[in-house]
Amino acid sequence: MKNLFNIYIHADPSHPYNPPFSGHFFNRTIRSSKPTQRGSPSLIASARRLLSEALLDDPSNARFIILSTSCIPLHSFNFTYNMLFQTNKSFIEILKGEPKSFVRYTARGNADIMLPEIPFEDFRIGSQFFILNRHHAKLVVNDEKLWRKFKLPCVFPKYCYPEEQYFSTLLNMEDSSSCIPATLTHVDWSKRLGSHPWTYRDTEIGMELIESLRQRELRYGNGGVENQTEAARVDPNYSFLFARKFSRNCLKPLLDIAGDLILKN
């Protein structure tokens, strides 16, 4: 199994931590890691650095999955691997007409700042947790045209979450037909805390929670899944492969059920 995947870690060097001395995460932190800040272009830059490292490090890398430290797997490695290789398309949320889309578009001052490269009708919003094929990973790291706009500082930071806009807009403009417009990382926005989704606590962890997250229906963007016939043709029952956000206190109860459920093929 080990030769089927590589792990790359972007660790903010301004926050010291004790790196692992063995296991899959040993010596996997990329040297180009830099400080990041939520709601800033630094999160786009960190994802671009990760993708660049993965592209250069191993030419056999075919799927590029962005996850956070608060993400957990919902299925075994074999289930996840087999599902991802049913199609060569990328899984990325591409949402059109979301609430407050225009104020997000103009967060850098006004609409003219994004022009002519990014007309408002091409602007999209989506999760920063995506799964790209190799072609799209290259497209992201080689892009300069849209990156030049999205790395500009925001005048209205309340509406500025460029990491939730850049990737979806870029893939929508450059190759939307090769994307399944949905994220495979579930978040619970029904109990949001301000601009943050719900963070699960250790008292909530159990087999029932994992089973329920597996059964949640994906939200397809860009007009719905009927416009993305690949999704229906390959497997009408695509399910979430990951979920977030889970607090650190969830680790023990998650490990307690991992063998009987999460990691069981």
Protein backbone atom coordinates (compact mmCIF):
# COMPACT_ATOMS: atom_id res chain seq x y z
CA MET A 1 0.00 0.00 0.00
CA LYS A 2 2.84 2.40 0.82
CA ASN A 3 3.84 2.74 -2.83
CA LEU A 4 0.32 3.91 -3.72
CA PHE A 5 0.51 7.33 -2.09
CA ASN A 6 2.77 10.18 -0.98
CA ILE A 7 2.16 12.69 1.79
CA TYR A 8 3.25 16.33 1.66
CA ILE A 9 2.90 18.63 4.66
CA HIS A 10 2.81 22.43 4.66
CA ALA A 11 3.72 23.41 8.24
CA ASP A 12 3.76 27.09 9.17
CA PRO A 13 7.39 27.69 10.27
CA SER A 14 6.27 30.51 12.57
CA HIS A 15 4.54 27.93 14.79
CA PRO A 16 7.13 25.42 16.09
CA TYR A 17 5.98 21.84 16.54
CA ASN A 18 7.47 18.46 17.29
CA PRO A 19 7.72 16.55 13.98
CA PRO A 20 7.15 12.79 13.96
CA PHE A 21 10.25 10.60 14.06
CA SER A 22 8.71 7.68 12.20
CA GLY A 23 5.66 6.66 10.20
CA HIS A 24 4.02 8.04 7.07
CA PHE A 25 4.44 11.68 8.19
CA PHE A 26 8.16 11.46 8.93
CA ASN A 27 10.24 13.93 6.91
CA ARG A 28 7.28 14.91 4.70
CA THR A 29 7.17 18.65 5.47
CA ILE A 30 7.98 20.66 2.36
CA ARG A 31 10.93 23.06 2.66
CA SER A 32 9.04 25.88 0.95
CA SER A 33 6.48 26.14 3.80
CA LYS A 34 5.67 29.71 4.80
CA PRO A 35 3.38 31.42 7.32
CA THR A 36 -0.32 31.41 6.46
CA GLN A 37 -3.32 33.39 7.58
CA ARG A 38 -7.00 32.64 7.13
CA GLY A 39 -8.82 34.85 4.67
CA SER A 40 -5.64 35.81 2.85
CA PRO A 41 -3.91 34.77 -0.39
CA SER A 42 -1.35 32.91 1.73
CA LEU A 43 -3.67 29.88 1.83
CA ILE A 44 -3.79 29.82 -1.98
CA ALA A 45 -0.01 30.08 -2.07
CA SER A 46 0.43 27.21 0.40
CA ALA A 47 -1.79 24.92 -1.71
CA ARG A 48 0.12 25.90 -4.84
CA ARG A 49 3.40 25.06 -3.09
CA LEU A 50 2.07 21.66 -2.03
CA LEU A 51 0.87 20.87 -5.55
CA SER A 52 4.17 22.00 -7.04
CA GLU A 53 6.15 19.82 -4.64
CA ALA A 54 3.96 16.80 -5.38
CA LEU A 55 4.24 17.29 -9.14
CA LEU A 56 8.03 17.54 -9.08
CA ASP A 57 8.65 14.90 -6.45
CA ASP A 58 6.96 11.93 -8.14
CA PRO A 59 5.79 11.79 -11.79
CA SER A 60 3.48 8.90 -10.88
CA ASN A 61 1.36 11.11 -8.60
CA ALA A 62 -2.04 11.13 -10.33
CA ARG A 63 -4.51 12.50 -7.75
CA PHE A 64 -3.80 15.51 -5.56
CA ILE A 65 -5.89 15.76 -2.40
CA ILE A 66 -5.86 18.88 -0.22
CA LEU A 67 -6.77 18.17 3.41
CA SER A 68 -6.35 19.97 6.72
CA THR A 69 -5.33 18.80 10.17
CA SER A 70 -9.01 18.84 11.15
CA CYS A 71 -10.00 16.39 8.38
CA ILE A 72 -10.61 12.68 8.92
CA PRO A 73 -11.19 9.82 6.44
CA LEU A 74 -14.67 8.31 6.35
CA HIS A 75 -13.66 5.12 4.53
CA SER A 76 -10.78 2.71 4.23
CA PHE A 77 -7.80 3.47 2.02
CA ASN A 78 -8.87 0.83 -0.54
CA PHE A 79 -12.40 2.25 -0.80
CA THR A 80 -11.06 5.79 -1.21
CA TYR A 81 -8.39 4.80 -3.73
CA ASN A 82 -10.79 2.76 -5.88
CA MET A 83 -13.43 5.48 -5.88
CA LEU A 84 -11.00 8.17 -6.96
CA PHE A 85 -9.72 6.12 -9.87
CA GLN A 86 -13.16 5.44 -11.33
CA THR A 87 -12.74 8.68 -13.25
CA ASN A 88 -9.91 10.93 -14.40
CA LYS A 89 -11.94 14.03 -13.58
CA SER A 90 -11.21 16.36 -10.70
CA PHE A 91 -13.56 16.80 -7.76
CA ILE A 92 -13.86 20.48 -6.91
CA GLU A 93 -16.82 22.49 -5.67
CA ILE A 94 -17.78 25.08 -8.31
CA LEU A 95 -20.76 27.10 -7.08
CA LYS A 96 -22.48 29.79 -9.12
CA GLY A 97 -24.74 32.48 -7.72
CA GLU A 98 -23.88 31.94 -4.07
CA PRO A 99 -25.14 34.52 -1.52
CA LYS A 100 -22.98 37.65 -1.44
CA SER A 101 -21.07 36.56 -4.55
CA PHE A 102 -20.73 40.11 -5.80
CA VAL A 103 -19.38 41.53 -2.55
CA ARG A 104 -16.85 38.69 -2.49
CA TYR A 105 -15.95 39.53 -6.08
CA THR A 106 -15.42 43.20 -5.17
CA ALA A 107 -13.67 42.55 -1.83
CA ARG A 108 -10.45 44.02 -3.24
CA GLY A 109 -12.08 47.40 -3.80
CA ASN A 110 -14.37 47.32 -6.84
CA ALA A 111 -15.33 45.18 -9.80
CA ASP A 112 -12.83 46.84 -12.14
CA ILE A 113 -9.90 45.42 -10.18
CA MET A 114 -10.71 41.87 -11.33
CA LEU A 115 -11.12 42.87 -14.97
CA PRO A 116 -10.44 42.00 -17.70
CA GLU A 117 -9.05 38.65 -16.59
CA ILE A 118 -12.01 37.61 -14.42
CA PRO A 119 -15.49 38.80 -15.47
CA PHE A 120 -18.07 38.48 -12.70
CA GLU A 121 -20.06 35.94 -14.74
CA ASP A 122 -17.04 33.59 -14.53
CA PHE A 123 -16.49 34.09 -10.79
CA ARG A 124 -17.17 30.98 -8.69
CA ILE A 125 -17.08 29.98 -5.02
CA GLY A 126 -16.28 26.60 -3.49
CA SER A 127 -14.50 24.59 -0.84
CA GLN A 128 -10.70 24.83 -0.69
CA PHE A 129 -10.60 21.07 -0.07
CA PHE A 130 -10.48 19.47 -3.49
CA ILE A 131 -9.08 16.52 -5.44
CA LEU A 132 -7.32 17.35 -8.72
CA ASN A 133 -5.98 15.21 -11.53
CA ARG A 134 -2.42 15.81 -12.69
CA HIS A 135 -3.42 18.05 -15.58
CA HIS A 136 -5.37 20.36 -13.29
CA ALA A 137 -2.61 20.38 -10.66
CA LYS A 138 -0.22 21.61 -13.36
CA LEU A 139 -2.77 24.18 -14.45
CA VAL A 140 -2.94 25.59 -10.92
CA VAL A 141 0.82 25.85 -10.33
CA ASN A 142 1.47 27.33 -13.78
CA ASP A 143 -1.29 29.94 -13.57
CA GLU A 144 -0.18 33.55 -13.35
CA LYS A 145 -3.12 35.38 -14.93
CA LEU A 146 -5.73 34.75 -12.23
CA TRP A 147 -3.18 34.50 -9.41
CA ARG A 148 -2.11 38.06 -10.20
CA LYS A 149 -5.61 39.20 -9.26
CA PHE A 150 -6.38 36.93 -6.34
CA LYS A 151 -3.16 37.73 -4.50
CA LEU A 152 -4.11 41.41 -4.25
CA PRO A 153 -4.89 42.60 -0.69
CA CYS A 154 -8.53 42.94 0.29
CA VAL A 155 -10.18 46.21 1.22
CA PHE A 156 -13.13 44.39 2.77
CA PRO A 157 -11.61 41.43 4.66
CA LYS A 158 -15.03 40.38 6.02
CA TYR A 159 -15.89 39.05 2.56
CA CYS A 160 -12.42 38.03 1.47
CA TYR A 161 -11.79 34.30 1.46
CA PRO A 162 -9.68 33.97 -1.68
CA GLU A 163 -8.89 30.29 -1.05
CA GLU A 164 -12.62 29.61 -1.48
CA GLN A 165 -12.71 31.46 -4.81
CA TYR A 166 -9.46 31.11 -6.70
CA PHE A 167 -9.39 27.37 -7.42
CA SER A 168 -13.09 27.14 -8.31
CA THR A 169 -12.89 30.18 -10.59
CA LEU A 170 -9.70 29.00 -12.29
CA LEU A 171 -11.01 25.49 -13.03
CA ASN A 172 -14.38 26.88 -14.10
CA MET A 173 -12.74 29.19 -16.61
CA GLU A 174 -10.08 26.83 -17.90
CA ASP A 175 -11.54 23.31 -17.92
CA SER A 176 -14.93 22.95 -16.20
CA SER A 177 -15.97 20.04 -18.43
CA SER A 178 -13.23 17.90 -16.86
CA CYS A 179 -14.44 18.59 -13.31
CA ILE A 180 -17.11 16.96 -11.20
CA PRO A 181 -18.33 20.12 -9.42
CA ALA A 182 -18.49 18.84 -5.85
CA THR A 183 -16.16 18.51 -2.90
CA LEU A 184 -15.68 15.09 -1.31
CA THR A 185 -14.90 16.64 2.09
CA HIS A 186 -18.04 17.16 4.18
CA VAL A 187 -18.53 20.12 6.52
CA ASP A 188 -21.55 20.94 8.66
CA TRP A 189 -22.69 24.51 8.07
CA SER A 190 -26.06 23.98 9.79
CA LYS A 191 -24.51 24.83 13.18
CA ARG A 192 -21.96 27.38 12.04
CA LEU A 193 -20.05 29.54 14.48
CA GLY A 194 -19.70 32.83 12.67
CA SER A 195 -17.76 32.13 9.49
CA HIS A 196 -16.62 28.72 10.76
CA PRO A 197 -18.41 25.40 10.22
CA TRP A 198 -19.26 23.16 13.15
CA THR A 199 -16.34 21.53 14.97
CA TYR A 200 -17.18 18.05 16.23
CA ARG A 201 -16.43 17.29 19.89
CA ASP A 202 -15.24 14.03 21.38
CA THR A 203 -18.67 13.40 22.94
CA GLU A 204 -20.22 13.31 19.45
CA ILE A 205 -17.92 10.63 18.06
CA GLY A 206 -19.45 7.24 17.38
CA MET A 207 -20.29 4.83 14.59
CA GLU A 208 -23.63 6.57 14.07
CA LEU A 209 -21.92 9.87 13.23
CA ILE A 210 -19.53 8.29 10.71
CA GLU A 211 -22.37 6.36 9.04
CA SER A 212 -24.48 9.50 8.78
CA LEU A 213 -21.63 11.50 7.22
CA ARG A 214 -21.10 8.76 4.65
CA GLN A 215 -24.74 8.98 3.64
CA ARG A 216 -24.94 12.74 3.15
CA GLU A 217 -25.67 13.73 -0.44
CA LEU A 218 -23.08 15.69 -2.38
CA ARG A 219 -23.96 19.20 -3.49
CA TYR A 220 -23.25 19.60 -7.17
CA GLY A 221 -22.58 23.08 -8.52
CA ASN A 222 -22.56 24.72 -11.97
CA GLY A 223 -26.18 23.91 -12.70
CA GLY A 224 -26.39 20.53 -11.01
CA VAL A 225 -25.15 17.03 -11.64
CA GLU A 226 -27.38 16.62 -14.69
CA ASN A 227 -24.93 18.87 -16.51
CA GLN A 228 -22.05 16.64 -15.41
CA THR A 229 -23.02 13.33 -16.99
CA GLU A 230 -19.68 11.77 -16.02
CA ALA A 231 -20.72 11.74 -12.36
CA ALA A 232 -23.94 9.87 -13.05
CA ARG A 233 -22.35 7.52 -15.56
CA VAL A 234 -19.39 6.49 -13.43
CA ASP A 235 -21.23 6.08 -10.14
CA PRO A 236 -24.51 7.72 -9.11
CA ASN A 237 -23.60 7.13 -5.48
CA TYR A 238 -20.42 9.14 -5.04
CA SER A 239 -20.05 9.69 -1.32
CA PHE A 240 -18.01 11.92 0.92
CA LEU A 241 -14.54 10.48 1.49
CA PHE A 242 -13.46 12.93 4.20
CA ALA A 243 -15.06 15.19 6.79
CA ARG A 244 -14.13 18.14 8.97
CA LYS A 245 -13.81 19.86 11.40
CA PHE A 246 -12.78 17.55 14.22
CA SER A 247 -11.15 18.81 17.41
CA ARG A 248 -7.98 17.26 18.81
CA ASN A 249 -10.01 15.64 21.59
CA CYS A 250 -11.71 13.49 18.95
CA LEU A 251 -8.56 11.49 18.24
CA LYS A 252 -9.00 8.80 20.88
CA PRO A 253 -12.70 8.04 20.25
CA LEU A 254 -11.99 8.01 16.50
CA LEU A 255 -9.16 5.51 16.96
CA ASP A 256 -11.46 3.40 19.14
CA ILE A 257 -13.89 2.87 16.22
CA ALA A 258 -11.39 3.02 13.36
CA GLY A 259 -10.71 -0.71 13.17
CA ASP A 260 -14.37 -1.71 13.23
CA LEU A 261 -15.67 0.93 10.85
CA ILE A 262 -13.53 3.67 9.28
CA LEU A 263 -10.56 1.51 8.22
CA LYS A 264 -12.59 -1.62 7.52
CA ASN A 265 -12.81 -2.52 3.82
